[in-house]
Amino acid sequence: STGSKMSSPATSPISSPSSRVLNEEQKKILEQLKQSVKATVEQKQKDIDPEQLENLDDDTYLRFLRARGFRLKDAHEMFTECLVWRKSFQTESLTIKDVASEYVKGKAFFHKTDLRGHIVVIIKAAMHKPKECDQDVLRKLCVWLMEEGQRLAKNLNSRKCTLIFDLTGFSLSNMDYPYVKFLLKIFADYYPETLGVCLIYNSPFVFWGCWKIVSPWIDPVTKNKIKFVEKK
């Protein structure tokens, strides 16, 4: 993939699967959100790239609406803040070359889909050495994976992803609290309703001290999607 675009399958609003299961009030709110975001983008072209709105489908808007309980004002604020962030982070121009120095380490990669059709991303925590990596590139890798995952999933029935944190061989030297905070923030604020489930696999005893620190940072909805699984 060259540049990254906010998920934008070639489906019309009429044919969008998600739009067909909305009630009349929700359909009305969806249209209001699209119009209000468009108006805001026209007013804030210095902070938001107007091209980001091209080809956006209903599913993208609906992720923000669902994250905010279909409260129009809250969803609008969340969506526009995301668009501002996307321009400042330059998500549209991210390529594999920008993240190659971290990607080649094999610490995070795609692995087909799960039984529900969710894109699977595996993170090998023991391969992460915080003191030896470029945090800026690491964050770009995280965003590139999100963008690439959305692109790969655009022809699937589900836009959600399954994260598998493989903690085999994990030690305290692999723990990276600033990166965990960044990961939680982008899932919550910029890629809402994207996480299907997060599996934490084969966690050693030493990880539980880290979990006690990280756990309070996670909102209840996301926390319910996190499952601990062991080797069998």
C-alpha atoms as a PDB file:
ATOM      1  CA  SER A   1       0.000   0.000   0.000  1.00  0.00           C
ATOM      2  CA  THR A   2       1.257   3.494  -0.692  1.00  0.00           C
ATOM      3  CA  GLY A   3      -0.676   6.102   1.241  1.00  0.00           C
ATOM      4  CA  SER A   4      -3.303   5.335   3.852  1.00  0.00           C
ATOM      5  CA  LYS A   5      -6.890   6.489   3.601  1.00  0.00           C
ATOM      6  CA  MET A   6      -9.572   6.416   6.220  1.00  0.00           C
ATOM      7  CA  SER A   7     -11.519   3.237   5.519  1.00  0.00           C
ATOM      8  CA  SER A   8     -13.568   3.858   2.424  1.00  0.00           C
ATOM      9  CA  PRO A   9     -15.035   0.863   0.611  1.00  0.00           C
ATOM     10  CA  ALA A  10     -16.615   1.544  -2.743  1.00  0.00           C
ATOM     11  CA  THR A  11     -20.152   1.201  -1.427  1.00  0.00           C
ATOM     12  CA  SER A  12     -22.865   3.805  -1.678  1.00  0.00           C
ATOM     13  CA  PRO A  13     -24.693   5.035   1.428  1.00  0.00           C
ATOM     14  CA  ILE A  14     -27.804   3.274   0.126  1.00  0.00           C
ATOM     15  CA  SER A  15     -26.093  -0.112  -0.107  1.00  0.00           C
ATOM     16  CA  SER A  16     -24.145   0.136   3.154  1.00  0.00           C
ATOM     17  CA  PRO A  17     -25.073  -2.904   5.277  1.00  0.00           C
ATOM     18  CA  SER A  18     -24.940  -0.927   8.512  1.00  0.00           C
ATOM     19  CA  SER A  19     -27.280   1.788   7.278  1.00  0.00           C
ATOM     20  CA  ARG A  20     -30.002  -0.760   6.559  1.00  0.00           C
ATOM     21  CA  VAL A  21     -30.313  -1.826  10.209  1.00  0.00           C
ATOM     22  CA  LEU A  22     -30.806   1.700  11.544  1.00  0.00           C
ATOM     23  CA  ASN A  23     -34.132   2.995  12.753  1.00  0.00           C
ATOM     24  CA  GLU A  24     -35.504   6.229  11.294  1.00  0.00           C
ATOM     25  CA  GLU A  25     -34.162   8.421  14.086  1.00  0.00           C
ATOM     26  CA  GLN A  26     -30.680   6.958  13.727  1.00  0.00           C
ATOM     27  CA  LYS A  27     -30.760   7.441   9.962  1.00  0.00           C
ATOM     28  CA  LYS A  28     -31.662  11.084  10.550  1.00  0.00           C
ATOM     29  CA  ILE A  29     -28.792  11.538  13.014  1.00  0.00           C
ATOM     30  CA  LEU A  30     -26.398   9.886  10.581  1.00  0.00           C
ATOM     31  CA  GLU A  31     -27.305  12.362   7.846  1.00  0.00           C
ATOM     32  CA  GLN A  32     -27.029  15.272  10.304  1.00  0.00           C
ATOM     33  CA  LEU A  33     -23.554  14.127  11.322  1.00  0.00           C
ATOM     34  CA  LYS A  34     -22.387  13.909   7.729  1.00  0.00           C
ATOM     35  CA  GLN A  35     -23.650  17.411   7.000  1.00  0.00           C
ATOM     36  CA  SER A  36     -22.257  18.944  10.193  1.00  0.00           C
ATOM     37  CA  VAL A  37     -18.826  17.371   9.659  1.00  0.00           C
ATOM     38  CA  LYS A  38     -18.781  18.616   6.066  1.00  0.00           C
ATOM     39  CA  ALA A  39     -19.600  22.146   7.250  1.00  0.00           C
ATOM     40  CA  THR A  40     -16.877  22.041   9.895  1.00  0.00           C
ATOM     41  CA  VAL A  41     -14.287  20.807   7.414  1.00  0.00           C
ATOM     42  CA  GLU A  42     -15.106  23.688   5.084  1.00  0.00           C
ATOM     43  CA  GLN A  43     -14.544  26.117   7.968  1.00  0.00           C
ATOM     44  CA  LYS A  44     -11.327  24.507   9.252  1.00  0.00           C
ATOM     45  CA  GLN A  45      -9.395  23.691   6.100  1.00  0.00           C
ATOM     46  CA  LYS A  46      -6.180  24.797   7.795  1.00  0.00           C
ATOM     47  CA  ASP A  47      -6.572  22.041  10.398  1.00  0.00           C
ATOM     48  CA  ILE A  48      -8.453  19.391   8.408  1.00  0.00           C
ATOM     49  CA  ASP A  49      -7.688  18.032   4.955  1.00  0.00           C
ATOM     50  CA  PRO A  50     -10.959  18.228   2.919  1.00  0.00           C
ATOM     51  CA  GLU A  51      -9.836  15.233   0.849  1.00  0.00           C
ATOM     52  CA  GLN A  52     -10.324  13.047   3.920  1.00  0.00           C
ATOM     53  CA  LEU A  53     -14.074  13.239   3.382  1.00  0.00           C
ATOM     54  CA  GLU A  54     -13.876  11.853  -0.137  1.00  0.00           C
ATOM     55  CA  ASN A  55     -15.390   8.386  -0.437  1.00  0.00           C
ATOM     56  CA  LEU A  56     -16.124   8.037   3.291  1.00  0.00           C
ATOM     57  CA  ASP A  57     -18.903   5.511   3.741  1.00  0.00           C
ATOM     58  CA  ASP A  58     -21.674   5.336   6.326  1.00  0.00           C
ATOM     59  CA  ASP A  59     -19.845   2.682   8.353  1.00  0.00           C
ATOM     60  CA  THR A  60     -17.081   5.128   9.199  1.00  0.00           C
ATOM     61  CA  TYR A  61     -19.511   7.755  10.503  1.00  0.00           C
ATOM     62  CA  LEU A  62     -21.488   5.090  12.342  1.00  0.00           C
ATOM     63  CA  ARG A  63     -18.451   3.939  14.303  1.00  0.00           C
ATOM     64  CA  PHE A  64     -18.230   7.401  15.851  1.00  0.00           C
ATOM     65  CA  LEU A  65     -21.982   7.614  16.409  1.00  0.00           C
ATOM     66  CA  ARG A  66     -22.060   4.253  18.172  1.00  0.00           C
ATOM     67  CA  ALA A  67     -19.064   5.197  20.293  1.00  0.00           C
ATOM     68  CA  ARG A  68     -21.036   8.197  21.524  1.00  0.00           C
ATOM     69  CA  GLY A  69     -24.434   6.547  21.857  1.00  0.00           C
ATOM     70  CA  PHE A  70     -25.816   8.370  18.783  1.00  0.00           C
ATOM     71  CA  ARG A  71     -25.429  11.727  20.545  1.00  0.00           C
ATOM     72  CA  LEU A  72     -24.940  14.003  17.561  1.00  0.00           C
ATOM     73  CA  LYS A  73     -22.953  16.765  19.275  1.00  0.00           C
ATOM     74  CA  ASP A  74     -20.562  14.319  20.960  1.00  0.00           C
ATOM     75  CA  ALA A  75     -20.067  12.257  17.802  1.00  0.00           C
ATOM     76  CA  HIS A  76     -19.420  15.405  15.763  1.00  0.00           C
ATOM     77  CA  GLU A  77     -16.802  16.599  18.226  1.00  0.00           C
ATOM     78  CA  MET A  78     -15.131  13.194  18.274  1.00  0.00           C
ATOM     79  CA  PHE A  79     -15.142  12.874  14.496  1.00  0.00           C
ATOM     80  CA  THR A  80     -13.727  16.329  13.814  1.00  0.00           C
ATOM     81  CA  GLU A  81     -11.031  15.892  16.464  1.00  0.00           C
ATOM     82  CA  CYS A  82     -10.070  12.678  14.695  1.00  0.00           C
ATOM     83  CA  LEU A  83      -9.819  14.483  11.351  1.00  0.00           C
ATOM     84  CA  VAL A  84      -7.578  17.150  12.900  1.00  0.00           C
ATOM     85  CA  TRP A  85      -5.360  14.433  14.375  1.00  0.00           C
ATOM     86  CA  ARG A  86      -5.180  12.597  11.060  1.00  0.00           C
ATOM     87  CA  LYS A  87      -3.834  15.679   9.314  1.00  0.00           C
ATOM     88  CA  SER A  88      -1.292  16.440  12.045  1.00  0.00           C
ATOM     89  CA  PHE A  89      -0.146  12.788  12.158  1.00  0.00           C
ATOM     90  CA  GLN A  90      -0.091  12.668   8.343  1.00  0.00           C
ATOM     91  CA  THR A  91      -1.947   9.367   8.245  1.00  0.00           C
ATOM     92  CA  GLU A  92      -2.858   9.844   4.582  1.00  0.00           C
ATOM     93  CA  SER A  93       0.766   9.706   3.471  1.00  0.00           C
ATOM     94  CA  LEU A  94       2.050   6.912   5.754  1.00  0.00           C
ATOM     95  CA  THR A  95       3.732   4.091   3.849  1.00  0.00           C
ATOM     96  CA  ILE A  96       5.534   0.879   4.724  1.00  0.00           C
ATOM     97  CA  LYS A  97       8.808   2.733   4.143  1.00  0.00           C
ATOM     98  CA  ASP A  98       8.017   5.066   7.048  1.00  0.00           C
ATOM     99  CA  VAL A  99       7.737   2.150   9.485  1.00  0.00           C
ATOM    100  CA  ALA A 100      10.117  -0.380   7.925  1.00  0.00           C
ATOM    101  CA  SER A 101      12.793  -0.095  10.639  1.00  0.00           C
ATOM    102  CA  GLU A 102      10.299  -1.367  13.250  1.00  0.00           C
ATOM    103  CA  TYR A 103       8.128  -3.566  11.016  1.00  0.00           C
ATOM    104  CA  VAL A 104      11.051  -5.761   9.925  1.00  0.00           C
ATOM    105  CA  LYS A 105      11.638  -6.747  13.558  1.00  0.00           C
ATOM    106  CA  GLY A 106       8.531  -8.916  13.338  1.00  0.00           C
ATOM    107  CA  LYS A 107       7.001  -7.645  16.561  1.00  0.00           C
ATOM    108  CA  ALA A 108       3.612  -6.903  14.966  1.00  0.00           C
ATOM    109  CA  PHE A 109       2.034  -8.359  11.841  1.00  0.00           C
ATOM    110  CA  PHE A 110      -1.242  -9.418  10.223  1.00  0.00           C
ATOM    111  CA  HIS A 111      -2.327 -13.058  10.336  1.00  0.00           C
ATOM    112  CA  LYS A 112      -5.339 -13.769   8.135  1.00  0.00           C
ATOM    113  CA  THR A 113      -8.811 -13.505   9.751  1.00  0.00           C
ATOM    114  CA  ASP A 114     -10.547 -15.176  12.681  1.00  0.00           C
ATOM    115  CA  LEU A 115     -13.770 -17.209  12.554  1.00  0.00           C
ATOM    116  CA  ARG A 116     -15.857 -14.011  12.691  1.00  0.00           C
ATOM    117  CA  GLY A 117     -14.049 -12.519   9.741  1.00  0.00           C
ATOM    118  CA  HIS A 118     -12.042 -10.040  11.826  1.00  0.00           C
ATOM    119  CA  ILE A 119      -8.565  -9.094  10.649  1.00  0.00           C
ATOM    120  CA  VAL A 120      -6.036 -10.606  13.088  1.00  0.00           C
ATOM    121  CA  VAL A 121      -2.990  -8.671  14.297  1.00  0.00           C
ATOM    122  CA  ILE A 122      -0.388 -10.497  16.365  1.00  0.00           C
ATOM    123  CA  ILE A 123       1.976  -8.600  18.674  1.00  0.00           C
ATOM    124  CA  LYS A 124       5.026 -10.477  19.938  1.00  0.00           C
ATOM    125  CA  ALA A 125       5.705  -8.538  23.124  1.00  0.00           C
ATOM    126  CA  ALA A 126       9.033 -10.228  23.908  1.00  0.00           C
ATOM    127  CA  MET A 127      10.463  -8.863  20.652  1.00  0.00           C
ATOM    128  CA  HIS A 128       9.816  -5.278  21.731  1.00  0.00           C
ATOM    129  CA  LYS A 129      12.841  -3.528  23.248  1.00  0.00           C
ATOM    130  CA  PRO A 130      11.697  -0.003  24.252  1.00  0.00           C
ATOM    131  CA  LYS A 131      15.251   1.258  24.793  1.00  0.00           C
ATOM    132  CA  GLU A 132      16.328   0.124  21.346  1.00  0.00           C
ATOM    133  CA  CYS A 133      13.472   1.464  19.222  1.00  0.00           C
ATOM    134  CA  ASP A 134      12.484   4.823  17.778  1.00  0.00           C
ATOM    135  CA  GLN A 135       9.249   5.757  19.560  1.00  0.00           C
ATOM    136  CA  ASP A 136       8.172   8.005  16.708  1.00  0.00           C
ATOM    137  CA  VAL A 137       8.513   5.194  14.179  1.00  0.00           C
ATOM    138  CA  LEU A 138       6.858   2.782  16.606  1.00  0.00           C
ATOM    139  CA  ARG A 139       3.785   4.996  16.848  1.00  0.00           C
ATOM    140  CA  LYS A 140       3.682   5.353  13.090  1.00  0.00           C
ATOM    141  CA  LEU A 141       3.833   1.562  12.830  1.00  0.00           C
ATOM    142  CA  CYS A 142       0.809   1.296  15.108  1.00  0.00           C
ATOM    143  CA  VAL A 143      -1.178   3.746  12.984  1.00  0.00           C
ATOM    144  CA  TRP A 144       0.004   2.178   9.717  1.00  0.00           C
ATOM    145  CA  LEU A 145      -1.215  -1.220  10.938  1.00  0.00           C
ATOM    146  CA  MET A 146      -4.583   0.297  11.825  1.00  0.00           C
ATOM    147  CA  GLU A 147      -4.894   1.959   8.432  1.00  0.00           C
ATOM    148  CA  GLU A 148      -3.704  -1.083   6.530  1.00  0.00           C
ATOM    149  CA  GLY A 149      -6.050  -3.296   8.533  1.00  0.00           C
ATOM    150  CA  GLN A 150      -8.972  -1.058   7.624  1.00  0.00           C
ATOM    151  CA  ARG A 151      -7.947  -1.238   3.984  1.00  0.00           C
ATOM    152  CA  LEU A 152      -7.668  -5.032   4.052  1.00  0.00           C
ATOM    153  CA  ALA A 153     -11.014  -5.355   5.817  1.00  0.00           C
ATOM    154  CA  LYS A 154     -12.973  -3.149   3.457  1.00  0.00           C
ATOM    155  CA  ASN A 155     -14.225  -6.108   1.425  1.00  0.00           C
ATOM    156  CA  LEU A 156     -15.059  -8.217   4.485  1.00  0.00           C
ATOM    157  CA  ASN A 157     -18.315  -8.310   6.410  1.00  0.00           C
ATOM    158  CA  SER A 158     -16.606  -6.922   9.502  1.00  0.00           C
ATOM    159  CA  ARG A 159     -14.408  -3.853   9.973  1.00  0.00           C
ATOM    160  CA  LYS A 160     -13.273  -5.018  13.405  1.00  0.00           C
ATOM    161  CA  CYS A 161      -9.903  -6.474  14.282  1.00  0.00           C
ATOM    162  CA  THR A 162      -8.700  -9.084  16.719  1.00  0.00           C
ATOM    163  CA  LEU A 163      -5.517  -8.239  18.597  1.00  0.00           C
ATOM    164  CA  ILE A 164      -3.425 -11.075  19.991  1.00  0.00           C
ATOM    165  CA  PHE A 165      -0.721 -10.041  22.433  1.00  0.00           C
ATOM    166  CA  ASP A 166       1.613 -13.024  22.636  1.00  0.00           C
ATOM    167  CA  LEU A 167       3.443 -12.640  25.963  1.00  0.00           C
ATOM    168  CA  THR A 168       5.580 -15.757  25.582  1.00  0.00           C
ATOM    169  CA  GLY A 169       9.024 -14.842  26.913  1.00  0.00           C
ATOM    170  CA  PHE A 170       7.816 -11.442  28.183  1.00  0.00           C
ATOM    171  CA  SER A 171       9.910  -9.691  30.843  1.00  0.00           C
ATOM    172  CA  LEU A 172       9.788  -6.264  32.470  1.00  0.00           C
ATOM    173  CA  SER A 173      12.371  -5.012  29.957  1.00  0.00           C
ATOM    174  CA  ASN A 174       9.699  -5.393  27.248  1.00  0.00           C
ATOM    175  CA  MET A 175       7.085  -3.260  29.030  1.00  0.00           C
ATOM    176  CA  ASP A 176       6.467   0.104  27.399  1.00  0.00           C
ATOM    177  CA  TYR A 177       3.891   2.173  29.319  1.00  0.00           C
ATOM    178  CA  PRO A 178       3.963   5.258  27.019  1.00  0.00           C
ATOM    179  CA  TYR A 179       3.287   3.030  24.000  1.00  0.00           C
ATOM    180  CA  VAL A 180       0.421   1.270  25.770  1.00  0.00           C
ATOM    181  CA  LYS A 181      -1.119   4.670  26.548  1.00  0.00           C
ATOM    182  CA  PHE A 182      -0.780   5.689  22.893  1.00  0.00           C
ATOM    183  CA  LEU A 183      -2.373   2.435  21.723  1.00  0.00           C
ATOM    184  CA  LEU A 184      -5.316   2.839  24.093  1.00  0.00           C
ATOM    185  CA  LYS A 185      -5.834   6.457  23.036  1.00  0.00           C
ATOM    186  CA  ILE A 186      -5.956   5.850  19.309  1.00  0.00           C
ATOM    187  CA  PHE A 187      -8.334   2.920  19.688  1.00  0.00           C
ATOM    188  CA  ALA A 188     -10.636   4.984  21.912  1.00  0.00           C
ATOM    189  CA  ASP A 189     -10.465   8.354  20.155  1.00  0.00           C
ATOM    190  CA  TYR A 190      -9.496   7.788  16.523  1.00  0.00           C
ATOM    191  CA  TYR A 191     -10.521   4.213  15.668  1.00  0.00           C
ATOM    192  CA  PRO A 192     -13.646   3.694  17.773  1.00  0.00           C
ATOM    193  CA  GLU A 193     -15.676   0.499  17.447  1.00  0.00           C
ATOM    194  CA  THR A 194     -12.747  -1.122  15.633  1.00  0.00           C
ATOM    195  CA  LEU A 195     -11.542  -3.572  18.271  1.00  0.00           C
ATOM    196  CA  GLY A 196     -13.447  -6.841  18.201  1.00  0.00           C
ATOM    197  CA  VAL A 197     -11.523  -8.671  20.890  1.00  0.00           C
ATOM    198  CA  CYS A 198      -8.074  -8.453  22.465  1.00  0.00           C
ATOM    199  CA  LEU A 199      -6.503 -11.751  23.514  1.00  0.00           C
ATOM    200  CA  ILE A 200      -3.601 -11.691  25.953  1.00  0.00           C
ATOM    201  CA  TYR A 201      -1.879 -15.013  25.445  1.00  0.00           C
ATOM    202  CA  ASN A 202       0.438 -16.904  27.768  1.00  0.00           C
ATOM    203  CA  SER A 203       0.977 -14.076  30.260  1.00  0.00           C
ATOM    204  CA  PRO A 204       3.767 -14.774  32.772  1.00  0.00           C
ATOM    205  CA  PHE A 205       3.450 -13.997  36.462  1.00  0.00           C
ATOM    206  CA  VAL A 206       5.589 -10.856  36.116  1.00  0.00           C
ATOM    207  CA  PHE A 207       3.010  -9.333  33.754  1.00  0.00           C
ATOM    208  CA  TRP A 208       0.351  -9.075  36.465  1.00  0.00           C
ATOM    209  CA  GLY A 209       2.197  -6.216  38.144  1.00  0.00           C
ATOM    210  CA  CYS A 210       2.126  -4.371  34.807  1.00  0.00           C
ATOM    211  CA  TRP A 211      -1.567  -5.172  34.367  1.00  0.00           C
ATOM    212  CA  LYS A 212      -2.406  -3.573  37.714  1.00  0.00           C
ATOM    213  CA  ILE A 213      -0.881  -0.327  36.436  1.00  0.00           C
ATOM    214  CA  VAL A 214      -2.412  -0.470  32.943  1.00  0.00           C
ATOM    215  CA  SER A 215      -5.885  -1.747  33.834  1.00  0.00           C
ATOM    216  CA  PRO A 216      -7.239   1.555  35.297  1.00  0.00           C
ATOM    217  CA  TRP A 217      -6.382   3.340  32.034  1.00  0.00           C
ATOM    218  CA  ILE A 218      -8.803   1.151  30.067  1.00  0.00           C
ATOM    219  CA  ASP A 219     -12.445   2.151  29.692  1.00  0.00           C
ATOM    220  CA  PRO A 220     -15.035  -0.472  30.753  1.00  0.00           C
ATOM    221  CA  VAL A 221     -16.260  -1.176  27.208  1.00  0.00           C
ATOM    222  CA  THR A 222     -12.756  -1.942  25.986  1.00  0.00           C
ATOM    223  CA  LYS A 223     -11.888  -3.889  29.129  1.00  0.00           C
ATOM    224  CA  ASN A 224     -14.799  -6.245  28.453  1.00  0.00           C
ATOM    225  CA  LYS A 225     -13.191  -7.096  25.116  1.00  0.00           C
ATOM    226  CA  ILE A 226      -9.919  -8.211  26.724  1.00  0.00           C
ATOM    227  CA  LYS A 227      -9.569 -11.912  27.399  1.00  0.00           C
ATOM    228  CA  PHE A 228      -6.678 -13.780  28.977  1.00  0.00           C
ATOM    229  CA  VAL A 229      -5.910 -17.118  27.351  1.00  0.00           C
ATOM    230  CA  GLU A 230      -3.314 -19.694  28.310  1.00  0.00           C
ATOM    231  CA  LYS A 231      -1.332 -22.294  26.452  1.00  0.00           C
ATOM    232  CA  LYS A 232      -3.150 -25.642  26.298  1.00  0.00           C
END
